[in-house]
N, C-alpha and C. Protein backbone atom coordinates (compact mmCIF):
# COMPACT_ATOMS: atom_id res chain seq x y z
N UNK A 1 24.07 2.26 8.47
CA UNK A 1 23.36 3.55 8.06
C UNK A 1 24.07 4.05 6.80
N UNK A 2 23.33 4.51 5.85
CA UNK A 2 23.68 5.05 4.58
C UNK A 2 23.49 6.50 4.44
N UNK A 3 24.24 7.17 3.63
CA UNK A 3 24.06 8.58 3.38
C UNK A 3 23.38 8.83 1.89
N UNK A 4 23.00 7.77 1.35
CA UNK A 4 22.36 7.86 0.01
C UNK A 4 20.77 7.55 0.01
N UNK A 5 20.22 7.42 1.21
CA UNK A 5 18.72 7.26 1.28
C UNK A 5 18.34 7.68 2.81
N UNK A 6 17.14 8.09 3.06
CA UNK A 6 16.76 8.32 4.47
C UNK A 6 16.89 6.92 5.25
N UNK A 7 17.50 7.25 6.45
CA UNK A 7 17.90 5.82 7.16
C UNK A 7 16.60 5.07 7.50
N UNK A 8 15.36 5.71 7.58
CA UNK A 8 14.24 4.91 8.06
C UNK A 8 13.39 4.44 6.69
N UNK A 9 14.06 4.55 5.53
CA UNK A 9 13.38 4.17 4.29
C UNK A 9 13.96 2.83 3.86
N UNK A 10 13.01 1.94 3.16
CA UNK A 10 13.74 0.77 2.58
C UNK A 10 14.34 1.20 1.32
N UNK A 11 15.15 0.24 0.71
CA UNK A 11 15.81 0.71 -0.56
C UNK A 11 14.75 0.61 -1.74
N UNK A 12 13.73 -0.19 -1.68
CA UNK A 12 12.71 -0.21 -2.72
C UNK A 12 11.53 0.32 -2.18
N UNK A 13 10.73 1.26 -2.90
CA UNK A 13 9.49 1.77 -2.53
C UNK A 13 8.50 1.66 -3.72
N UNK A 14 7.33 1.29 -3.59
CA UNK A 14 6.35 1.36 -4.75
C UNK A 14 6.15 2.95 -5.08
N UNK A 15 5.93 3.39 -6.31
CA UNK A 15 5.60 4.58 -6.53
C UNK A 15 4.18 4.54 -7.37
N UNK A 16 3.17 5.03 -6.76
CA UNK A 16 1.97 5.04 -7.49
C UNK A 16 1.54 6.45 -7.96
N UNK A 17 1.15 6.36 -9.30
CA UNK A 17 0.64 7.67 -9.89
C UNK A 17 -0.81 7.56 -9.87
N UNK A 18 -1.50 8.58 -9.40
CA UNK A 18 -3.02 8.61 -9.22
C UNK A 18 -3.55 10.03 -9.38
N UNK A 19 -4.58 10.00 -10.28
CA UNK A 19 -5.24 11.26 -10.54
C UNK A 19 -5.89 11.82 -9.28
N UNK A 20 -6.28 10.88 -8.35
CA UNK A 20 -6.91 11.43 -7.05
C UNK A 20 -6.04 11.00 -5.95
N UNK A 21 -4.82 11.64 -5.90
CA UNK A 21 -3.79 11.36 -4.87
C UNK A 21 -4.37 11.54 -3.37
N UNK A 22 -5.07 12.60 -3.24
CA UNK A 22 -5.68 12.88 -1.88
C UNK A 22 -6.74 11.60 -1.42
N UNK A 23 -7.44 11.19 -2.37
CA UNK A 23 -8.22 10.01 -2.13
C UNK A 23 -7.52 8.85 -1.76
N UNK A 24 -6.39 8.63 -2.55
CA UNK A 24 -5.49 7.50 -2.32
C UNK A 24 -4.83 7.54 -0.89
N UNK A 25 -4.48 8.69 -0.58
CA UNK A 25 -3.72 8.85 0.79
C UNK A 25 -4.88 8.53 1.80
N UNK A 26 -5.99 9.03 1.66
CA UNK A 26 -7.13 8.78 2.69
C UNK A 26 -7.39 7.32 2.72
N UNK A 27 -7.42 6.70 1.68
CA UNK A 27 -7.58 5.12 1.59
C UNK A 27 -6.41 4.54 2.39
N UNK A 28 -5.22 4.85 2.13
CA UNK A 28 -4.09 4.13 2.81
C UNK A 28 -4.14 4.46 4.30
N UNK A 29 -4.66 5.55 4.63
CA UNK A 29 -4.74 5.80 6.15
C UNK A 29 -5.90 4.99 6.68
N UNK A 30 -6.97 5.01 6.15
CA UNK A 30 -8.17 4.23 6.66
C UNK A 30 -7.93 2.79 6.56
N UNK A 31 -7.37 2.29 5.49
CA UNK A 31 -7.28 0.86 5.37
C UNK A 31 -6.08 0.20 6.10
N UNK A 32 -4.92 0.90 5.90
CA UNK A 32 -3.67 0.36 6.44
C UNK A 32 -3.02 1.13 7.59
N UNK A 33 -3.57 2.22 8.16
CA UNK A 33 -3.00 2.99 9.05
C UNK A 33 -1.84 3.65 8.69
N UNK A 34 -1.74 4.18 7.46
CA UNK A 34 -0.60 4.96 6.93
C UNK A 34 -0.56 6.27 7.48
N UNK A 35 0.68 6.68 7.58
CA UNK A 35 0.92 8.20 8.05
C UNK A 35 1.81 8.83 6.92
N UNK A 36 1.43 10.15 6.67
CA UNK A 36 2.24 10.96 5.70
C UNK A 36 3.55 11.34 6.25
N UNK A 37 4.77 10.83 5.72
CA UNK A 37 6.07 11.20 6.02
C UNK A 37 6.43 12.56 5.53
N UNK A 38 6.30 12.63 4.12
CA UNK A 38 6.58 13.97 3.52
C UNK A 38 5.62 14.23 2.47
N UNK A 39 5.43 15.51 2.03
CA UNK A 39 4.39 15.99 1.14
C UNK A 39 5.04 17.17 0.44
N UNK A 40 4.92 17.24 -0.93
CA UNK A 40 5.33 18.46 -1.73
C UNK A 40 4.09 18.76 -2.60
N UNK A 41 3.67 20.11 -2.39
CA UNK A 41 2.59 20.61 -3.22
C UNK A 41 3.14 21.45 -4.46
N UNK A 42 2.35 21.45 -5.44
CA UNK A 42 2.64 22.43 -6.40
C UNK A 42 2.37 23.82 -6.08
N UNK A 43 2.63 24.88 -6.74
CA UNK A 43 2.22 26.31 -6.31
C UNK A 43 0.78 26.50 -6.30
N UNK A 44 0.01 25.81 -6.94
CA UNK A 44 -1.56 25.94 -6.80
C UNK A 44 -2.07 25.28 -5.61
N UNK A 45 -1.27 24.49 -4.94
CA UNK A 45 -1.67 23.79 -3.81
C UNK A 45 -2.00 22.36 -3.98
N UNK A 46 -2.08 21.87 -5.18
CA UNK A 46 -2.30 20.39 -5.39
C UNK A 46 -1.17 19.65 -5.15
N UNK A 47 -1.44 18.23 -4.71
CA UNK A 47 -0.27 17.47 -4.47
C UNK A 47 0.57 17.04 -5.62
N UNK A 48 1.91 17.25 -5.61
CA UNK A 48 2.78 16.87 -6.54
C UNK A 48 3.41 15.48 -6.26
N UNK A 49 3.75 15.31 -4.97
CA UNK A 49 4.47 14.13 -4.47
C UNK A 49 4.19 13.95 -2.87
N UNK A 50 3.91 12.79 -2.58
CA UNK A 50 3.73 12.36 -1.07
C UNK A 50 4.33 11.03 -0.87
N UNK A 51 4.80 10.90 0.41
CA UNK A 51 5.35 9.52 0.86
C UNK A 51 4.57 9.18 2.16
N UNK A 52 3.99 7.99 2.03
CA UNK A 52 3.19 7.51 3.05
C UNK A 52 3.89 6.37 3.71
N UNK A 53 3.95 6.29 4.98
CA UNK A 53 4.49 5.03 5.67
C UNK A 53 3.48 4.09 6.16
N UNK A 54 3.59 2.85 5.83
CA UNK A 54 2.96 1.72 6.41
C UNK A 54 3.87 0.79 7.03
N UNK A 55 3.82 0.73 8.29
CA UNK A 55 4.79 -0.03 9.13
C UNK A 55 6.23 0.37 8.68
N UNK A 56 7.02 -0.52 8.19
CA UNK A 56 8.41 -0.25 7.87
C UNK A 56 8.69 0.11 6.48
N UNK A 57 7.39 0.40 5.71
CA UNK A 57 7.65 0.61 4.28
C UNK A 57 7.07 1.99 3.83
N UNK A 58 7.64 2.42 2.69
CA UNK A 58 7.02 3.76 2.18
C UNK A 58 6.46 3.50 0.93
N UNK A 59 5.19 4.18 0.80
CA UNK A 59 4.51 4.17 -0.52
C UNK A 59 4.67 5.59 -1.10
N UNK A 60 5.37 5.82 -2.26
CA UNK A 60 5.51 7.08 -2.89
C UNK A 60 4.20 7.21 -3.85
N UNK A 61 3.71 8.56 -3.76
CA UNK A 61 2.45 8.85 -4.48
C UNK A 61 2.80 10.13 -5.29
N UNK A 62 2.53 10.02 -6.64
CA UNK A 62 2.51 11.12 -7.56
C UNK A 62 1.06 11.64 -7.74
N UNK A 63 0.85 12.94 -7.66
CA UNK A 63 -0.45 13.48 -7.74
C UNK A 63 -0.88 13.61 -9.15
N UNK A 64 -2.16 13.86 -9.41
CA UNK A 64 -2.70 14.15 -10.72
C UNK A 64 -2.17 15.43 -11.21
N UNK A 65 -3.08 16.03 -12.21
CA UNK A 65 -2.84 17.23 -12.78
C UNK A 65 -1.49 17.22 -13.68
N UNK A 66 -1.22 16.03 -14.22
CA UNK A 66 -0.16 15.86 -15.24
C UNK A 66 -0.72 15.18 -16.38
N UNK A 67 0.08 14.85 -17.42
CA UNK A 67 -0.45 14.02 -18.58
C UNK A 67 -0.28 12.58 -18.33
N UNK A 68 0.43 12.17 -17.04
CA UNK A 68 0.33 10.91 -16.67
C UNK A 68 -0.80 10.49 -15.90
N UNK A 69 -1.55 9.32 -16.43
CA UNK A 69 -2.78 8.95 -15.87
C UNK A 69 -2.46 7.89 -14.74
N UNK A 70 -3.49 7.60 -13.91
CA UNK A 70 -3.49 6.46 -13.02
C UNK A 70 -2.96 5.24 -13.62
N UNK A 71 -2.10 4.51 -12.92
CA UNK A 71 -1.63 3.32 -13.45
C UNK A 71 -1.82 2.18 -12.47
N UNK A 72 -2.58 1.07 -12.93
CA UNK A 72 -2.72 -0.04 -11.90
C UNK A 72 -1.48 -0.74 -11.55
N UNK A 73 -1.41 -1.21 -10.18
CA UNK A 73 -0.17 -2.05 -9.76
C UNK A 73 -0.77 -3.01 -8.83
N UNK A 74 0.08 -3.95 -8.40
CA UNK A 74 -0.11 -4.96 -7.33
C UNK A 74 0.93 -4.79 -6.47
N UNK A 75 0.46 -4.71 -5.11
CA UNK A 75 1.42 -4.51 -3.99
C UNK A 75 1.12 -5.58 -2.92
N UNK A 76 2.16 -6.28 -2.36
CA UNK A 76 2.05 -7.12 -1.35
C UNK A 76 2.46 -6.65 -0.06
N UNK A 77 1.52 -6.78 1.03
CA UNK A 77 1.85 -6.06 2.25
C UNK A 77 1.61 -7.07 3.39
N UNK A 78 2.70 -7.33 4.16
CA UNK A 78 2.52 -8.19 5.34
C UNK A 78 1.98 -7.29 6.54
N UNK A 79 1.07 -7.86 7.19
CA UNK A 79 0.29 -7.24 8.23
C UNK A 79 0.10 -8.17 9.50
N UNK A 80 -0.09 -7.58 10.61
CA UNK A 80 -0.32 -8.48 11.78
C UNK A 80 -1.41 -9.36 11.77
N UNK A 81 -2.62 -8.96 11.11
CA UNK A 81 -3.71 -9.71 10.99
C UNK A 81 -4.41 -9.37 9.62
N UNK A 82 -4.23 -10.33 8.63
CA UNK A 82 -4.67 -10.15 7.39
C UNK A 82 -6.35 -10.09 7.30
N UNK A 83 -6.99 -10.71 8.11
CA UNK A 83 -8.44 -10.75 8.06
C UNK A 83 -8.95 -9.36 8.42
N UNK A 84 -8.38 -8.73 9.48
CA UNK A 84 -8.89 -7.50 9.99
C UNK A 84 -8.51 -6.52 9.12
N UNK A 85 -7.17 -6.48 8.52
CA UNK A 85 -6.90 -5.44 7.43
C UNK A 85 -7.76 -5.63 6.15
N UNK A 86 -7.94 -6.82 5.69
CA UNK A 86 -8.86 -7.05 4.64
C UNK A 86 -10.12 -6.31 4.82
N UNK A 87 -10.69 -6.65 6.05
CA UNK A 87 -12.06 -5.96 6.30
C UNK A 87 -12.13 -4.48 6.35
N UNK A 88 -10.88 -3.89 6.90
CA UNK A 88 -10.78 -2.54 6.88
C UNK A 88 -10.62 -1.85 5.56
N UNK A 89 -9.86 -2.65 4.70
CA UNK A 89 -9.76 -2.13 3.32
C UNK A 89 -11.07 -2.11 2.70
N UNK A 90 -12.01 -3.12 2.72
CA UNK A 90 -13.29 -3.21 2.21
C UNK A 90 -14.06 -2.04 2.69
N UNK A 91 -14.07 -1.82 3.98
CA UNK A 91 -14.80 -0.75 4.58
C UNK A 91 -14.36 0.65 4.17
N UNK A 92 -13.13 0.72 3.72
CA UNK A 92 -12.55 2.10 3.25
C UNK A 92 -12.78 2.15 1.74
N UNK A 93 -13.57 1.26 1.12
CA UNK A 93 -13.89 1.31 -0.44
C UNK A 93 -13.25 0.44 -1.38
N UNK A 94 -12.52 -0.49 -0.90
CA UNK A 94 -11.95 -1.49 -1.76
C UNK A 94 -13.02 -2.48 -2.12
N UNK A 95 -12.71 -3.29 -3.25
CA UNK A 95 -13.61 -4.42 -3.58
C UNK A 95 -12.73 -5.56 -3.42
N UNK A 96 -13.50 -6.74 -3.23
CA UNK A 96 -12.67 -8.16 -3.10
C UNK A 96 -12.13 -8.58 -4.36
N UNK A 97 -10.92 -8.94 -4.27
CA UNK A 97 -10.30 -9.72 -5.51
C UNK A 97 -10.28 -11.13 -5.01
N UNK A 98 -9.76 -11.37 -3.79
CA UNK A 98 -9.77 -12.81 -3.31
C UNK A 98 -10.03 -12.78 -1.78
N UNK A 99 -10.93 -13.45 -1.27
CA UNK A 99 -11.13 -13.56 0.33
C UNK A 99 -9.78 -14.10 0.83
N UNK A 100 -9.44 -13.65 2.11
CA UNK A 100 -8.33 -14.22 2.74
C UNK A 100 -8.46 -15.81 2.86
N UNK A 101 -7.25 -16.54 2.48
CA UNK A 101 -7.22 -17.94 2.57
C UNK A 101 -5.74 -18.36 2.68
N UNK A 102 -5.64 -19.52 3.30
CA UNK A 102 -4.21 -20.07 3.33
C UNK A 102 -4.19 -21.44 2.47
N UNK A 103 -3.46 -21.31 1.35
CA UNK A 103 -3.39 -22.45 0.56
C UNK A 103 -2.39 -23.44 1.30
N UNK A 104 -2.60 -24.62 0.89
CA UNK A 104 -1.71 -25.66 1.58
C UNK A 104 -0.28 -25.55 1.15
N UNK A 105 0.00 -25.08 0.20
CA UNK A 105 1.48 -24.99 -0.22
C UNK A 105 2.05 -23.60 -0.03
N UNK A 106 1.32 -22.82 0.91
CA UNK A 106 1.69 -21.49 1.21
C UNK A 106 1.67 -21.17 2.73
N UNK A 107 2.79 -20.56 3.31
CA UNK A 107 2.77 -20.35 4.76
C UNK A 107 1.83 -19.05 5.01
N UNK A 108 1.48 -18.34 4.05
CA UNK A 108 0.70 -17.02 4.31
C UNK A 108 -0.77 -17.19 4.16
N UNK A 109 -1.45 -16.60 5.17
CA UNK A 109 -2.86 -16.32 5.01
C UNK A 109 -2.98 -15.07 4.14
N UNK A 110 -3.58 -15.12 2.99
CA UNK A 110 -3.38 -14.05 2.01
C UNK A 110 -4.89 -13.76 1.53
N UNK A 111 -5.21 -12.49 1.36
CA UNK A 111 -6.32 -11.96 0.58
C UNK A 111 -5.97 -10.84 -0.28
N UNK A 112 -6.76 -10.52 -1.25
CA UNK A 112 -6.57 -9.43 -2.17
C UNK A 112 -7.75 -8.45 -2.38
N UNK A 113 -7.43 -7.19 -2.33
CA UNK A 113 -8.65 -6.14 -2.50
C UNK A 113 -8.04 -5.21 -3.67
N UNK A 114 -9.03 -4.61 -4.42
CA UNK A 114 -8.60 -3.53 -5.26
C UNK A 114 -9.27 -2.28 -4.71
N UNK A 115 -8.35 -1.28 -4.66
CA UNK A 115 -8.76 0.09 -4.20
C UNK A 115 -9.55 0.76 -5.26
N UNK A 116 -10.18 1.85 -5.02
CA UNK A 116 -10.92 2.66 -6.02
C UNK A 116 -10.09 3.14 -7.20
N UNK A 117 -8.68 3.15 -7.01
CA UNK A 117 -7.94 3.62 -8.19
C UNK A 117 -7.34 2.57 -9.04
N UNK A 118 -7.77 1.29 -8.71
CA UNK A 118 -7.32 0.16 -9.55
C UNK A 118 -5.98 -0.60 -9.09
N UNK A 119 -5.51 -0.12 -7.85
CA UNK A 119 -4.40 -0.87 -7.30
C UNK A 119 -4.86 -2.08 -6.43
N UNK A 120 -4.26 -3.32 -6.74
CA UNK A 120 -4.57 -4.34 -6.01
C UNK A 120 -3.51 -4.73 -4.89
N UNK A 121 -4.12 -4.82 -3.83
CA UNK A 121 -3.40 -4.84 -2.41
C UNK A 121 -3.53 -6.29 -2.04
N UNK A 122 -2.38 -7.11 -1.94
CA UNK A 122 -2.41 -8.31 -1.39
C UNK A 122 -1.96 -8.27 0.07
N UNK A 123 -2.86 -8.57 1.04
CA UNK A 123 -2.57 -8.57 2.40
C UNK A 123 -2.25 -9.91 2.99
N UNK A 124 -1.24 -10.12 3.76
CA UNK A 124 -0.93 -11.53 4.13
C UNK A 124 -0.24 -11.47 5.55
N UNK A 125 -0.53 -12.49 6.38
CA UNK A 125 -0.04 -12.76 7.58
C UNK A 125 0.50 -14.31 7.65
N UNK A 126 1.54 -14.61 8.37
CA UNK A 126 2.04 -15.85 8.47
C UNK A 126 1.52 -16.37 9.85
N UNK A 127 0.32 -17.13 9.97
CA UNK A 127 -0.24 -17.44 11.11
C UNK A 127 0.50 -18.52 11.80
N UNK A 128 1.38 -19.40 11.11
CA UNK A 128 1.92 -20.53 11.76
C UNK A 128 3.40 -20.25 11.35
N UNK A 129 4.29 -20.82 12.06
CA UNK A 129 5.73 -20.78 11.83
C UNK A 129 5.89 -21.06 10.31
N UNK A 130 6.58 -20.27 9.53
CA UNK A 130 6.82 -20.60 8.06
C UNK A 130 7.64 -21.82 7.88
N UNK A 131 7.59 -22.54 6.69
CA UNK A 131 8.41 -23.57 6.42
C UNK A 131 9.95 -23.03 6.31
N UNK A 132 10.85 -23.81 6.59
CA UNK A 132 12.36 -23.35 6.16
C UNK A 132 12.44 -22.99 4.72
N UNK A 133 13.25 -22.05 4.37
CA UNK A 133 13.57 -21.65 3.00
C UNK A 133 14.53 -22.78 2.52
N UNK A 134 14.30 -23.19 1.19
CA UNK A 134 15.28 -24.24 0.69
C UNK A 134 16.68 -23.51 0.52
């Protein structure tokens, strides 16, 4: 246990800046089952900062209404079932980057989607025991 970060947070969290932060949060909830852990609003009620939990990870989200525009990013997310999660993300508004597949040199079944804000999400599952690390 450390006193320099929340005990249930990882040391590294992606931080997404998005003009439509409310829409991004709704997408994370619909596609990946995210829950909002913390949220801080500006005096006018618009979102300034939020933290959404997906399994054991935190995605930090900066809201719009600043001079900073949305910035595309790539995120990798291990899930229990990559195909089901991929399909949920498409149903939630994402577009296909790459259909889920397992390459012969890769232990992961992995597919990619891009959300409506330009973030590419790579969802993966290890359906077979992984090869030992060198």
